[in-house]
């Protein structure tokens, strides 16, 4: 019977529609992204305006927090995520780093160097969905901190990674991209973010 089953299944594999397969994958990715975004605090949640506190305990709780943040960042297809965005007031963030787009976590980070050269580019945020605004950032930054186990870490970042790092630093201090953009872009962003009334039929 095994050989017969193999013969029967072969045409089914060949008959699969690659377009439909891709649509199913896209739908699955979008569903995962929606689930991740639902666990990330959204503007105007007041925690996004709070300043995070220094982390003193390098323990299992911290490692679980970092794993959760990394999973949410990946699920939401983000470039970084700060602890405040998941409602935790600790100075921790994760960013994508390296050619393989792996994640690195920084605990109690400090910027110890930055370039004089800056660059203006559009930024989005997982906590301000559907919004892109121009933000000026330093082209390169050097950041120092600790990893989740307490070991010292230092990163020299440039380009997009430097931008992502500065973005997450801002989150730890309660600063959002709408605070660093132009007045016109801020007005447009707030119009998008403003809650809209929901209309329905009266019963």
C-alpha atoms as a PDB file:
ATOM      1  CA  UNK A   1       0.000   0.000   0.000  1.00  0.00           C
ATOM      2  CA  UNK A   2       2.853   2.426   0.633  1.00  0.00           C
ATOM      3  CA  UNK A   3       3.917   2.611  -3.012  1.00  0.00           C
ATOM      4  CA  UNK A   4       0.301   3.241  -4.061  1.00  0.00           C
ATOM      5  CA  UNK A   5      -0.034   6.041  -1.550  1.00  0.00           C
ATOM      6  CA  UNK A   6       3.144   7.641  -2.876  1.00  0.00           C
ATOM      7  CA  UNK A   7       1.821   7.533  -6.449  1.00  0.00           C
ATOM      8  CA  UNK A   8      -1.496   9.008  -5.369  1.00  0.00           C
ATOM      9  CA  UNK A   9       0.074  11.904  -3.483  1.00  0.00           C
ATOM     10  CA  UNK A  10       2.531  12.990  -6.161  1.00  0.00           C
ATOM     11  CA  UNK A  11      -0.038  14.668  -8.477  1.00  0.00           C
ATOM     12  CA  UNK A  12      -1.547  16.487  -5.494  1.00  0.00           C
ATOM     13  CA  UNK A  13       1.820  18.113  -4.756  1.00  0.00           C
ATOM     14  CA  UNK A  14       2.289  19.046  -8.413  1.00  0.00           C
ATOM     15  CA  UNK A  15      -1.229  20.500  -8.594  1.00  0.00           C
ATOM     16  CA  UNK A  16      -0.662  22.942  -5.719  1.00  0.00           C
ATOM     17  CA  UNK A  17      -1.180  26.553  -6.709  1.00  0.00           C
ATOM     18  CA  UNK A  18       1.976  28.551  -5.805  1.00  0.00           C
ATOM     19  CA  UNK A  19      -0.033  31.783  -5.816  1.00  0.00           C
ATOM     20  CA  UNK A  20      -2.494  30.414  -3.273  1.00  0.00           C
ATOM     21  CA  UNK A  21       0.378  29.027  -1.183  1.00  0.00           C
ATOM     22  CA  UNK A  22       1.967  32.470  -1.060  1.00  0.00           C
ATOM     23  CA  UNK A  23      -1.360  34.065  -0.150  1.00  0.00           C
ATOM     24  CA  UNK A  24      -1.766  31.583   2.704  1.00  0.00           C
ATOM     25  CA  UNK A  25       1.746  32.396   3.961  1.00  0.00           C
ATOM     26  CA  UNK A  26       1.026  36.125   3.730  1.00  0.00           C
ATOM     27  CA  UNK A  27      -2.233  35.673   5.640  1.00  0.00           C
ATOM     28  CA  UNK A  28      -0.420  33.670   8.323  1.00  0.00           C
ATOM     29  CA  UNK A  29       2.303  36.326   8.655  1.00  0.00           C
ATOM     30  CA  UNK A  30      -0.327  39.058   8.886  1.00  0.00           C
ATOM     31  CA  UNK A  31      -2.214  37.130  11.572  1.00  0.00           C
ATOM     32  CA  UNK A  32       1.001  36.710  13.608  1.00  0.00           C
ATOM     33  CA  UNK A  33       1.762  40.401  13.170  1.00  0.00           C
ATOM     34  CA  UNK A  34      -1.719  41.348  14.384  1.00  0.00           C
ATOM     35  CA  UNK A  35      -1.330  39.131  17.464  1.00  0.00           C
ATOM     36  CA  UNK A  36       2.066  40.690  18.261  1.00  0.00           C
ATOM     37  CA  UNK A  37       0.823  44.254  17.777  1.00  0.00           C
ATOM     38  CA  UNK A  38      -2.116  43.546  20.088  1.00  0.00           C
ATOM     39  CA  UNK A  39       0.409  42.965  22.906  1.00  0.00           C
ATOM     40  CA  UNK A  40       2.332  46.205  22.257  1.00  0.00           C
ATOM     41  CA  UNK A  41       1.111  49.372  23.959  1.00  0.00           C
ATOM     42  CA  UNK A  42      -0.428  51.841  21.521  1.00  0.00           C
ATOM     43  CA  UNK A  43      -0.541  55.640  21.554  1.00  0.00           C
ATOM     44  CA  UNK A  44      -1.913  57.383  23.611  1.00  0.00           C
ATOM     45  CA  UNK A  45      -1.278  54.800  26.355  1.00  0.00           C
ATOM     46  CA  UNK A  46       0.238  56.851  29.228  1.00  0.00           C
ATOM     47  CA  UNK A  47       3.033  54.321  29.870  1.00  0.00           C
ATOM     48  CA  UNK A  48       4.606  55.443  26.575  1.00  0.00           C
ATOM     49  CA  UNK A  49       5.231  58.831  28.189  1.00  0.00           C
ATOM     50  CA  UNK A  50       6.891  57.461  31.331  1.00  0.00           C
ATOM     51  CA  UNK A  51      10.626  57.298  31.953  1.00  0.00           C
ATOM     52  CA  UNK A  52      11.959  53.803  32.538  1.00  0.00           C
ATOM     53  CA  UNK A  53      13.996  52.959  35.654  1.00  0.00           C
ATOM     54  CA  UNK A  54      17.467  51.444  35.840  1.00  0.00           C
ATOM     55  CA  UNK A  55      17.484  47.642  35.948  1.00  0.00           C
ATOM     56  CA  UNK A  56      19.166  46.276  39.071  1.00  0.00           C
ATOM     57  CA  UNK A  57      18.325  42.583  38.934  1.00  0.00           C
ATOM     58  CA  UNK A  58      19.859  40.427  36.198  1.00  0.00           C
ATOM     59  CA  UNK A  59      17.750  37.360  36.747  1.00  0.00           C
ATOM     60  CA  UNK A  60      15.365  34.934  35.065  1.00  0.00           C
ATOM     61  CA  UNK A  61      12.616  37.555  34.992  1.00  0.00           C
ATOM     62  CA  UNK A  62      14.832  39.847  32.922  1.00  0.00           C
ATOM     63  CA  UNK A  63      15.718  37.049  30.512  1.00  0.00           C
ATOM     64  CA  UNK A  64      12.034  36.171  30.104  1.00  0.00           C
ATOM     65  CA  UNK A  65      11.246  39.838  29.433  1.00  0.00           C
ATOM     66  CA  UNK A  66      13.933  40.040  26.749  1.00  0.00           C
ATOM     67  CA  UNK A  67      12.729  36.815  25.102  1.00  0.00           C
ATOM     68  CA  UNK A  68       9.165  38.104  25.066  1.00  0.00           C
ATOM     69  CA  UNK A  69      10.220  41.456  23.616  1.00  0.00           C
ATOM     70  CA  UNK A  70      12.314  39.769  20.932  1.00  0.00           C
ATOM     71  CA  UNK A  71       9.423  37.479  19.974  1.00  0.00           C
ATOM     72  CA  UNK A  72       7.024  40.439  19.762  1.00  0.00           C
ATOM     73  CA  UNK A  73       9.492  42.486  17.717  1.00  0.00           C
ATOM     74  CA  UNK A  74       9.938  39.582  15.301  1.00  0.00           C
ATOM     75  CA  UNK A  75       6.225  38.829  15.160  1.00  0.00           C
ATOM     76  CA  UNK A  76       5.382  42.465  14.440  1.00  0.00           C
ATOM     77  CA  UNK A  77       8.182  42.677  11.862  1.00  0.00           C
ATOM     78  CA  UNK A  78       9.806  45.528  13.777  1.00  0.00           C
ATOM     79  CA  UNK A  79      13.378  46.800  13.948  1.00  0.00           C
ATOM     80  CA  UNK A  80      13.386  47.354  17.704  1.00  0.00           C
ATOM     81  CA  UNK A  81      11.247  47.331  20.838  1.00  0.00           C
ATOM     82  CA  UNK A  82      11.605  49.000  24.233  1.00  0.00           C
ATOM     83  CA  UNK A  83      10.343  47.583  27.525  1.00  0.00           C
ATOM     84  CA  UNK A  84       8.016  50.556  27.978  1.00  0.00           C
ATOM     85  CA  UNK A  85       6.198  49.436  24.833  1.00  0.00           C
ATOM     86  CA  UNK A  86       5.124  46.280  26.641  1.00  0.00           C
ATOM     87  CA  UNK A  87       4.219  48.200  29.792  1.00  0.00           C
ATOM     88  CA  UNK A  88       7.420  47.500  31.747  1.00  0.00           C
ATOM     89  CA  UNK A  89       9.288  50.523  33.111  1.00  0.00           C
ATOM     90  CA  UNK A  90      12.797  49.067  32.889  1.00  0.00           C
ATOM     91  CA  UNK A  91      15.681  50.444  30.848  1.00  0.00           C
ATOM     92  CA  UNK A  92      15.834  47.600  28.368  1.00  0.00           C
ATOM     93  CA  UNK A  93      15.420  47.457  24.626  1.00  0.00           C
ATOM     94  CA  UNK A  94      16.059  45.037  21.782  1.00  0.00           C
ATOM     95  CA  UNK A  95      17.098  45.890  18.230  1.00  0.00           C
ATOM     96  CA  UNK A  96      17.963  43.969  15.103  1.00  0.00           C
ATOM     97  CA  UNK A  97      21.724  43.827  14.700  1.00  0.00           C
ATOM     98  CA  UNK A  98      24.090  42.237  12.228  1.00  0.00           C
ATOM     99  CA  UNK A  99      23.846  40.902   8.711  1.00  0.00           C
ATOM    100  CA  UNK A 100      21.548  38.064   9.748  1.00  0.00           C
ATOM    101  CA  UNK A 101      19.093  40.539  11.312  1.00  0.00           C
ATOM    102  CA  UNK A 102      19.546  38.855  14.680  1.00  0.00           C
ATOM    103  CA  UNK A 103      18.431  40.614  17.849  1.00  0.00           C
ATOM    104  CA  UNK A 104      20.599  42.138  20.553  1.00  0.00           C
ATOM    105  CA  UNK A 105      19.337  43.284  23.946  1.00  0.00           C
ATOM    106  CA  UNK A 106      20.745  46.263  25.808  1.00  0.00           C
ATOM    107  CA  UNK A 107      20.123  46.739  29.514  1.00  0.00           C
ATOM    108  CA  UNK A 108      20.743  50.146  31.133  1.00  0.00           C
ATOM    109  CA  UNK A 109      22.129  51.487  27.836  1.00  0.00           C
ATOM    110  CA  UNK A 110      24.055  54.725  27.480  1.00  0.00           C
ATOM    111  CA  UNK A 111      25.099  56.608  24.372  1.00  0.00           C
ATOM    112  CA  UNK A 112      28.837  57.239  24.795  1.00  0.00           C
ATOM    113  CA  UNK A 113      29.527  58.635  21.340  1.00  0.00           C
ATOM    114  CA  UNK A 114      27.685  60.080  18.358  1.00  0.00           C
ATOM    115  CA  UNK A 115      28.587  61.593  15.017  1.00  0.00           C
ATOM    116  CA  UNK A 116      28.187  65.287  14.299  1.00  0.00           C
ATOM    117  CA  UNK A 117      26.650  64.317  10.973  1.00  0.00           C
ATOM    118  CA  UNK A 118      22.893  63.815  11.059  1.00  0.00           C
ATOM    119  CA  UNK A 119      20.386  62.520   8.548  1.00  0.00           C
ATOM    120  CA  UNK A 120      16.682  63.149   8.054  1.00  0.00           C
ATOM    121  CA  UNK A 121      14.581  60.111   7.187  1.00  0.00           C
ATOM    122  CA  UNK A 122      11.081  58.763   7.774  1.00  0.00           C
ATOM    123  CA  UNK A 123      10.441  56.645  10.847  1.00  0.00           C
ATOM    124  CA  UNK A 124       7.569  54.480  11.939  1.00  0.00           C
ATOM    125  CA  UNK A 125       6.821  52.953  15.327  1.00  0.00           C
ATOM    126  CA  UNK A 126       5.117  49.783  16.496  1.00  0.00           C
ATOM    127  CA  UNK A 127       3.249  51.896  19.066  1.00  0.00           C
ATOM    128  CA  UNK A 128       2.059  54.476  16.510  1.00  0.00           C
ATOM    129  CA  UNK A 129       0.650  52.370  13.718  1.00  0.00           C
ATOM    130  CA  UNK A 130      -0.036  53.795  10.239  1.00  0.00           C
ATOM    131  CA  UNK A 131       2.256  56.769  10.923  1.00  0.00           C
ATOM    132  CA  UNK A 132       5.521  57.701   9.186  1.00  0.00           C
ATOM    133  CA  UNK A 133       7.192  61.021  10.029  1.00  0.00           C
ATOM    134  CA  UNK A 134      10.561  62.592   9.197  1.00  0.00           C
ATOM    135  CA  UNK A 135      13.027  62.449  12.094  1.00  0.00           C
ATOM    136  CA  UNK A 136      16.601  63.725  12.231  1.00  0.00           C
ATOM    137  CA  UNK A 137      19.098  61.324  13.815  1.00  0.00           C
ATOM    138  CA  UNK A 138      22.863  61.024  14.223  1.00  0.00           C
ATOM    139  CA  UNK A 139      24.337  58.874  11.454  1.00  0.00           C
ATOM    140  CA  UNK A 140      26.511  56.846  13.868  1.00  0.00           C
ATOM    141  CA  UNK A 141      26.304  56.153  17.592  1.00  0.00           C
ATOM    142  CA  UNK A 142      28.331  54.173  20.103  1.00  0.00           C
ATOM    143  CA  UNK A 143      26.282  52.626  22.876  1.00  0.00           C
ATOM    144  CA  UNK A 144      27.346  50.792  26.014  1.00  0.00           C
ATOM    145  CA  UNK A 145      25.325  48.757  28.473  1.00  0.00           C
ATOM    146  CA  UNK A 146      24.885  45.195  29.656  1.00  0.00           C
ATOM    147  CA  UNK A 147      23.390  42.066  28.212  1.00  0.00           C
ATOM    148  CA  UNK A 148      20.575  40.198  30.041  1.00  0.00           C
ATOM    149  CA  UNK A 149      23.141  38.197  32.038  1.00  0.00           C
ATOM    150  CA  UNK A 150      24.919  41.336  33.246  1.00  0.00           C
ATOM    151  CA  UNK A 151      27.983  41.223  30.996  1.00  0.00           C
ATOM    152  CA  UNK A 152      29.289  44.503  29.579  1.00  0.00           C
ATOM    153  CA  UNK A 153      28.421  45.205  25.968  1.00  0.00           C
ATOM    154  CA  UNK A 154      29.420  47.933  23.532  1.00  0.00           C
ATOM    155  CA  UNK A 155      28.075  48.501  20.027  1.00  0.00           C
ATOM    156  CA  UNK A 156      29.261  50.806  17.258  1.00  0.00           C
ATOM    157  CA  UNK A 157      26.230  51.392  15.072  1.00  0.00           C
ATOM    158  CA  UNK A 158      25.648  53.253  11.849  1.00  0.00           C
ATOM    159  CA  UNK A 159      22.883  53.905   9.375  1.00  0.00           C
ATOM    160  CA  UNK A 160      19.596  52.149  10.033  1.00  0.00           C
ATOM    161  CA  UNK A 161      20.843  50.353  13.151  1.00  0.00           C
ATOM    162  CA  UNK A 162      22.000  53.661  14.672  1.00  0.00           C
ATOM    163  CA  UNK A 163      18.583  55.138  13.912  1.00  0.00           C
ATOM    164  CA  UNK A 164      16.774  52.195  15.502  1.00  0.00           C
ATOM    165  CA  UNK A 165      18.956  52.466  18.603  1.00  0.00           C
ATOM    166  CA  UNK A 166      18.227  56.189  19.017  1.00  0.00           C
ATOM    167  CA  UNK A 167      14.521  55.518  18.492  1.00  0.00           C
ATOM    168  CA  UNK A 168      14.458  52.941  21.300  1.00  0.00           C
ATOM    169  CA  UNK A 169      16.508  55.207  23.587  1.00  0.00           C
ATOM    170  CA  UNK A 170      13.799  57.814  23.180  1.00  0.00           C
ATOM    171  CA  UNK A 171      11.155  55.296  24.253  1.00  0.00           C
ATOM    172  CA  UNK A 172      13.009  54.715  27.533  1.00  0.00           C
ATOM    173  CA  UNK A 173      12.665  58.443  28.252  1.00  0.00           C
ATOM    174  CA  UNK A 174       9.029  58.714  27.187  1.00  0.00           C
ATOM    175  CA  UNK A 175       9.846  60.461  23.905  1.00  0.00           C
ATOM    176  CA  UNK A 176       7.998  59.532  20.705  1.00  0.00           C
ATOM    177  CA  UNK A 177       8.709  60.190  17.031  1.00  0.00           C
ATOM    178  CA  UNK A 178       5.918  62.777  16.930  1.00  0.00           C
ATOM    179  CA  UNK A 179       7.962  64.814  19.433  1.00  0.00           C
ATOM    180  CA  UNK A 180      10.971  64.923  17.102  1.00  0.00           C
ATOM    181  CA  UNK A 181       9.304  65.729  13.812  1.00  0.00           C
ATOM    182  CA  UNK A 182       8.061  68.917  12.137  1.00  0.00           C
ATOM    183  CA  UNK A 183       4.912  70.702  13.285  1.00  0.00           C
ATOM    184  CA  UNK A 184       3.156  69.857  10.035  1.00  0.00           C
ATOM    185  CA  UNK A 185       4.078  66.161  10.186  1.00  0.00           C
ATOM    186  CA  UNK A 186       2.986  66.033  13.842  1.00  0.00           C
ATOM    187  CA  UNK A 187      -0.435  67.490  13.005  1.00  0.00           C
ATOM    188  CA  UNK A 188      -0.902  64.973  10.197  1.00  0.00           C
ATOM    189  CA  UNK A 189       0.198  62.085  12.420  1.00  0.00           C
ATOM    190  CA  UNK A 190      -2.129  63.079  15.244  1.00  0.00           C
ATOM    191  CA  UNK A 191      -5.013  63.245  12.787  1.00  0.00           C
ATOM    192  CA  UNK A 192      -4.294  59.615  11.850  1.00  0.00           C
ATOM    193  CA  UNK A 193      -3.860  58.545  15.479  1.00  0.00           C
ATOM    194  CA  UNK A 194      -6.964  60.315  16.766  1.00  0.00           C
ATOM    195  CA  UNK A 195      -9.633  57.760  17.770  1.00  0.00           C
ATOM    196  CA  UNK A 196     -12.450  57.694  15.235  1.00  0.00           C
ATOM    197  CA  UNK A 197     -16.127  57.440  16.201  1.00  0.00           C
ATOM    198  CA  UNK A 198     -17.806  54.101  15.564  1.00  0.00           C
ATOM    199  CA  UNK A 199     -21.253  54.282  14.048  1.00  0.00           C
ATOM    200  CA  UNK A 200     -23.797  51.474  14.132  1.00  0.00           C
ATOM    201  CA  UNK A 201     -27.468  50.890  13.673  1.00  0.00           C
ATOM    202  CA  UNK A 202     -29.660  51.537  16.672  1.00  0.00           C
ATOM    203  CA  UNK A 203     -31.701  48.551  17.812  1.00  0.00           C
END
